[in-house]
C-alpha atoms as a PDB file:
ATOM      1  CA  MET A   1      27.534 -21.097 -56.491  1.00  0.00           C
ATOM      2  CA  THR A   2      27.058 -19.799 -52.966  1.00  0.00           C
ATOM      3  CA  LEU A   3      28.783 -16.745 -51.556  1.00  0.00           C
ATOM      4  CA  ASP A   4      31.040 -18.935 -49.406  1.00  0.00           C
ATOM      5  CA  GLU A   5      31.962 -21.029 -52.458  1.00  0.00           C
ATOM      6  CA  ALA A   6      32.770 -17.871 -54.436  1.00  0.00           C
ATOM      7  CA  ILE A   7      35.035 -16.609 -51.648  1.00  0.00           C
ATOM      8  CA  LYS A   8      36.789 -19.983 -51.439  1.00  0.00           C
ATOM      9  CA  HIS A   9      37.209 -20.125 -55.240  1.00  0.00           C
ATOM     10  CA  CYS A  10      38.749 -16.640 -55.373  1.00  0.00           C
ATOM     11  CA  LYS A  11      41.229 -17.460 -52.616  1.00  0.00           C
ATOM     12  CA  GLU A  12      42.209 -20.770 -54.216  1.00  0.00           C
ATOM     13  CA  LYS A  13      42.619 -19.154 -57.643  1.00  0.00           C
ATOM     14  CA  ALA A  14      44.730 -16.342 -56.176  1.00  0.00           C
ATOM     15  CA  LYS A  15      47.035 -18.851 -54.493  1.00  0.00           C
ATOM     16  CA  GLU A  16      47.215 -21.042 -57.609  1.00  0.00           C
ATOM     17  CA  LEU A  17      48.124 -18.117 -59.876  1.00  0.00           C
ATOM     18  CA  SER A  18      50.659 -16.725 -57.434  1.00  0.00           C
ATOM     19  CA  ASN A  19      52.348 -20.118 -57.057  1.00  0.00           C
ATOM     20  CA  LYS A  20      52.336 -20.655 -60.818  1.00  0.00           C
ATOM     21  CA  ALA A  21      54.008 -17.304 -61.420  1.00  0.00           C
ATOM     22  CA  TYR A  22      56.635 -17.991 -58.754  1.00  0.00           C
ATOM     23  CA  GLU A  23      57.429 -21.552 -59.826  1.00  0.00           C
ATOM     24  CA  GLU A  24      57.381 -21.131 -63.595  1.00  0.00           C
ATOM     25  CA  CYS A  25      58.889 -17.677 -64.053  1.00  0.00           C
ATOM     26  CA  GLY A  26      61.995 -18.050 -66.173  1.00  0.00           C
ATOM     27  CA  ILE A  27      61.313 -21.712 -66.930  1.00  0.00           C
ATOM     28  CA  SER A  28      58.191 -21.952 -69.061  1.00  0.00           C
ATOM     29  CA  MET A  29      56.911 -18.441 -68.489  1.00  0.00           C
ATOM     30  CA  THR A  30      58.325 -15.040 -69.351  1.00  0.00           C
ATOM     31  CA  GLU A  31      58.571 -12.314 -66.713  1.00  0.00           C
ATOM     32  CA  GLU A  32      55.672 -10.523 -68.410  1.00  0.00           C
ATOM     33  CA  GLU A  33      53.506 -13.633 -68.189  1.00  0.00           C
ATOM     34  CA  ALA A  34      54.497 -14.069 -64.535  1.00  0.00           C
ATOM     35  CA  TYR A  35      53.581 -10.433 -63.878  1.00  0.00           C
ATOM     36  CA  ASP A  36      50.171 -11.009 -65.499  1.00  0.00           C
ATOM     37  CA  CYS A  37      49.635 -14.105 -63.311  1.00  0.00           C
ATOM     38  CA  ASN A  38      50.530 -12.125 -60.208  1.00  0.00           C
ATOM     39  CA  GLU A  39      48.231  -9.278 -61.224  1.00  0.00           C
ATOM     40  CA  CYS A  40      45.368 -11.734 -61.766  1.00  0.00           C
ATOM     41  CA  ALA A  41      46.177 -13.336 -58.388  1.00  0.00           C
ATOM     42  CA  ARG A  42      45.984  -9.918 -56.700  1.00  0.00           C
ATOM     43  CA  GLU A  43      42.637  -9.238 -58.383  1.00  0.00           C
ATOM     44  CA  HIS A  44      41.227 -12.561 -57.163  1.00  0.00           C
ATOM     45  CA  GLU A  45      42.457 -11.816 -53.640  1.00  0.00           C
ATOM     46  CA  GLN A  46      40.825  -8.362 -53.765  1.00  0.00           C
ATOM     47  CA  LEU A  47      37.574  -9.906 -54.996  1.00  0.00           C
ATOM     48  CA  SER A  48      37.615 -12.406 -52.124  1.00  0.00           C
ATOM     49  CA  ARG A  49      38.020  -9.520 -49.635  1.00  0.00           C
ATOM     50  CA  TRP A  50      35.106  -7.634 -51.224  1.00  0.00           C
ATOM     51  CA  LEU A  51      32.938 -10.744 -51.064  1.00  0.00           C
ATOM     52  CA  GLU A  52      33.860 -11.263 -47.406  1.00  0.00           C
ATOM     53  CA  ASP A  53      32.921  -7.636 -46.665  1.00  0.00           C
ATOM     54  CA  TYR A  54      29.645  -8.098 -48.530  1.00  0.00           C
ATOM     55  CA  LYS A  55      28.909 -11.280 -46.560  1.00  0.00           C
ATOM     56  CA  ARG A  56      29.610  -9.483 -43.279  1.00  0.00           C
ATOM     57  CA  LEU A  57      27.237  -6.654 -44.249  1.00  0.00           C
ATOM     58  CA  LEU A  58      24.519  -9.148 -45.134  1.00  0.00           C
ATOM     59  CA  GLU A  59      24.897 -10.842 -41.769  1.00  0.00           C
ATOM     60  CA  GLU A  60      24.770  -7.651 -39.711  1.00  0.00           C
ATOM     61  CA  LYS A  61      21.420  -7.082 -38.085  1.00  0.00           C
ATOM     62  CA  ARG A  62      19.822  -3.875 -39.345  1.00  0.00           C
ATOM     63  CA  PRO A  63      17.383  -2.387 -36.823  1.00  0.00           C
ATOM     64  CA  HIS A  64      13.736  -2.191 -37.807  1.00  0.00           C
ATOM     65  CA  GLY A  65      11.795   0.928 -37.045  1.00  0.00           C
ATOM     66  CA  GLU A  66       8.760   2.915 -37.990  1.00  0.00           C
ATOM     67  CA  TRP A  67       7.951   6.478 -38.841  1.00  0.00           C
ATOM     68  CA  ILE A  68       5.947   8.211 -36.116  1.00  0.00           C
ATOM     69  CA  LYS A  69       3.722  11.026 -37.321  1.00  0.00           C
ATOM     70  CA  ASN A  70       4.918  14.230 -35.697  1.00  0.00           C
ATOM     71  CA  ALA A  71       2.907  17.476 -35.901  1.00  0.00           C
ATOM     72  CA  PHE A  72       4.648  20.816 -35.993  1.00  0.00           C
ATOM     73  CA  ASN A  73       3.520  24.380 -36.642  1.00  0.00           C
ATOM     74  CA  THR A  74       4.974  26.820 -39.083  1.00  0.00           C
ATOM     75  CA  CYS A  75       5.467  30.443 -38.147  1.00  0.00           C
ATOM     76  CA  PHE A  76       2.027  31.151 -39.690  1.00  0.00           C
ATOM     77  CA  GLY A  77       0.301  28.754 -37.306  1.00  0.00           C
ATOM     78  CA  LEU A  78      -0.596  26.219 -39.994  1.00  0.00           C
ATOM     79  CA  GLY A  79      -0.276  22.626 -38.858  1.00  0.00           C
ATOM     80  CA  GLU A  80       1.963  20.439 -40.950  1.00  0.00           C
ATOM     81  CA  TRP A  81       3.300  16.916 -40.522  1.00  0.00           C
ATOM     82  CA  ASN A  82       6.714  15.419 -40.495  1.00  0.00           C
ATOM     83  CA  TYR A  83       7.851  12.031 -39.240  1.00  0.00           C
ATOM     84  CA  LYS A  84      10.224  10.914 -36.536  1.00  0.00           C
ATOM     85  CA  CYS A  85      12.205   7.646 -36.545  1.00  0.00           C
ATOM     86  CA  ASN A  86      11.332   5.591 -33.464  1.00  0.00           C
ATOM     87  CA  GLN A  87      14.940   4.287 -33.340  1.00  0.00           C
ATOM     88  CA  CYS A  88      16.939   7.538 -33.336  1.00  0.00           C
ATOM     89  CA  ASN A  89      14.179  10.164 -32.853  1.00  0.00           C
ATOM     90  CA  LYS A  90      15.421  12.214 -35.804  1.00  0.00           C
ATOM     91  CA  VAL A  91      12.882  13.969 -38.031  1.00  0.00           C
ATOM     92  CA  ASN A  92      12.422  13.186 -41.724  1.00  0.00           C
ATOM     93  CA  ASP A  93       9.737  13.364 -44.398  1.00  0.00           C
ATOM     94  CA  GLY A  94       8.781   9.723 -43.734  1.00  0.00           C
ATOM     95  CA  LYS A  95       8.887   8.745 -47.408  1.00  0.00           C
ATOM     96  CA  SER A  96      12.032   6.624 -47.300  1.00  0.00           C
ATOM     97  CA  ASN A  97      12.235   2.866 -46.677  1.00  0.00           C
ATOM     98  CA  PHE A  98      15.299   3.493 -44.485  1.00  0.00           C
ATOM     99  CA  CYS A  99      16.076   6.181 -41.934  1.00  0.00           C
ATOM    100  CA  PRO A 100      18.834   8.355 -43.437  1.00  0.00           C
ATOM    101  CA  HIS A 101      20.219   9.028 -39.951  1.00  0.00           C
ATOM    102  CA  CYS A 102      20.501   5.574 -38.320  1.00  0.00           C
ATOM    103  CA  GLY A 103      19.792   3.223 -41.255  1.00  0.00           C
ATOM    104  CA  ALA A 104      16.761   1.554 -39.632  1.00  0.00           C
ATOM    105  CA  ASP A 105      14.594  -0.450 -42.038  1.00  0.00           C
ATOM    106  CA  MET A 106      11.170   1.218 -42.130  1.00  0.00           C
ATOM    107  CA  ARG A 107       9.441  -1.344 -44.382  1.00  0.00           C
ATOM    108  CA  GLY A 108       7.557  -3.079 -41.592  1.00  0.00           C
ATOM    109  CA  GLU A 109       8.193  -6.207 -39.542  1.00  0.00           C
ATOM    110  CA  GLU A 110      11.354  -8.289 -39.900  1.00  0.00           C
END
């Protein structure tokens, strides 16, 4: 099942359950059963919204960057190294795969 198919399934199931609860309440279904159908419909609708958000995040273009070695001196005059993100120019230890400031992917080429 693809992500689009999962989103479609959740929306269809939410509508089906909501309609079932509305149409059958008091006929072949108790109010409690109708409430359960509506609750399940709401959960499917929420899941479809989460999946749509997830899809949107996957489709967003994350910038790629690299850590640039940046020398600095301590107050004792000893040279040490830190790293600067070439996307946002903020300093970090350079050990992360992503810049904690701008979110750039530091794992190499796209």
